[in-house]
Amino acid sequence: MRVEYMSEVGQLQNLVLRFLELHELNSKTTWELADVKANQNVKGRGLSKKQRMQKYDIALEALERVRIYVDF
């Protein structure tokens, strides 16, 4: 999904992420970087292991917009 959220420093971030889980008790969501063209640094090469393992914990209040991302 294409996720737009406010970072800790107050800037709007826009990434293509994959949803992992919702923590209802502390109002947080957990995401990881999706292995899609939009996130590739080098054309034709997938994400590195470090990038695939990176997790994003985003508060529900920080989420601005979440949209479906379709890549053919």
Protein backbone atom coordinates (compact mmCIF):
# COMPACT_ATOMS: atom_id res chain seq x y z
CA MET A 1 0.00 0.00 0.00
CA ARG A 2 1.17 3.54 -0.60
CA VAL A 3 1.35 5.08 2.86
CA GLU A 4 1.63 8.80 3.61
CA TYR A 5 2.46 9.60 7.23
CA MET A 6 3.98 12.33 9.38
CA SER A 7 7.46 11.48 10.63
CA GLU A 8 8.82 12.38 14.07
CA VAL A 9 10.38 15.56 12.67
CA GLY A 10 7.06 16.71 11.17
CA GLN A 11 7.72 15.92 7.50
CA LEU A 12 5.25 14.06 5.30
CA GLN A 13 6.75 10.72 4.21
CA ASN A 14 5.48 8.70 1.24
CA LEU A 15 6.49 5.02 0.95
CA VAL A 16 5.12 1.79 -0.48
CA LEU A 17 4.77 -0.48 2.56
CA ARG A 18 3.30 -3.87 3.41
CA PHE A 19 1.00 -4.03 6.42
CA LEU A 20 2.02 -6.48 9.16
CA GLU A 21 -0.10 -5.87 12.26
CA LEU A 22 -2.22 -3.46 14.29
CA HIS A 23 -1.53 -2.90 18.00
CA GLU A 24 -4.88 -1.79 19.37
CA LEU A 25 -3.69 -1.17 22.93
CA ASN A 26 -1.14 1.52 22.03
CA SER A 27 -2.72 2.65 18.71
CA LYS A 28 0.25 1.72 16.52
CA THR A 29 0.68 -0.15 13.26
CA THR A 30 3.66 -2.17 12.03
CA TRP A 31 4.74 -2.06 8.39
CA GLU A 32 7.68 -3.26 6.29
CA LEU A 33 9.09 -1.98 3.01
CA ALA A 34 7.38 -3.65 0.03
CA ASP A 35 9.56 -5.23 -2.67
CA VAL A 36 8.19 -3.21 -5.63
CA LYS A 37 9.67 -1.06 -8.41
CA ALA A 38 8.87 2.16 -6.56
CA ASN A 39 11.21 1.17 -3.69
CA GLN A 40 14.14 -0.09 -5.80
CA ASN A 41 17.34 1.97 -5.74
CA VAL A 42 18.88 0.26 -8.78
CA LYS A 43 16.72 -0.58 -11.79
CA GLY A 44 15.97 -4.31 -11.99
CA ARG A 45 17.46 -5.17 -8.59
CA GLY A 46 15.31 -6.11 -5.62
CA LEU A 47 15.64 -4.85 -2.07
CA SER A 48 18.63 -5.81 0.04
CA LYS A 49 18.21 -8.06 3.07
CA LYS A 50 18.66 -5.05 5.37
CA GLN A 51 15.87 -3.16 3.56
CA ARG A 52 13.54 -6.20 3.64
CA MET A 53 14.05 -6.64 7.40
CA GLN A 54 13.42 -2.97 8.25
CA LYS A 55 10.18 -2.39 10.18
CA TYR A 56 8.20 0.83 10.52
CA ASP A 57 6.09 1.44 13.63
CA ILE A 58 3.64 4.22 12.79
CA ALA A 59 1.05 5.64 15.16
CA LEU A 60 -2.52 5.71 13.88
CA GLU A 61 -2.63 9.48 14.45
CA ALA A 62 0.42 9.94 12.18
CA LEU A 63 -1.20 8.19 9.18
CA GLU A 64 -2.39 10.75 6.64
CA ARG A 65 -3.45 8.52 3.73
CA VAL A 66 -3.24 4.80 2.91
CA ARG A 67 -3.99 3.74 -0.67
CA ILE A 68 -3.80 0.47 -2.57
CA TYR A 69 -0.67 0.23 -4.71
CA VAL A 70 -0.89 -1.87 -7.89
CA ASP A 71 2.25 -2.66 -9.89
CA PHE A 72 2.16 -4.59 -13.18
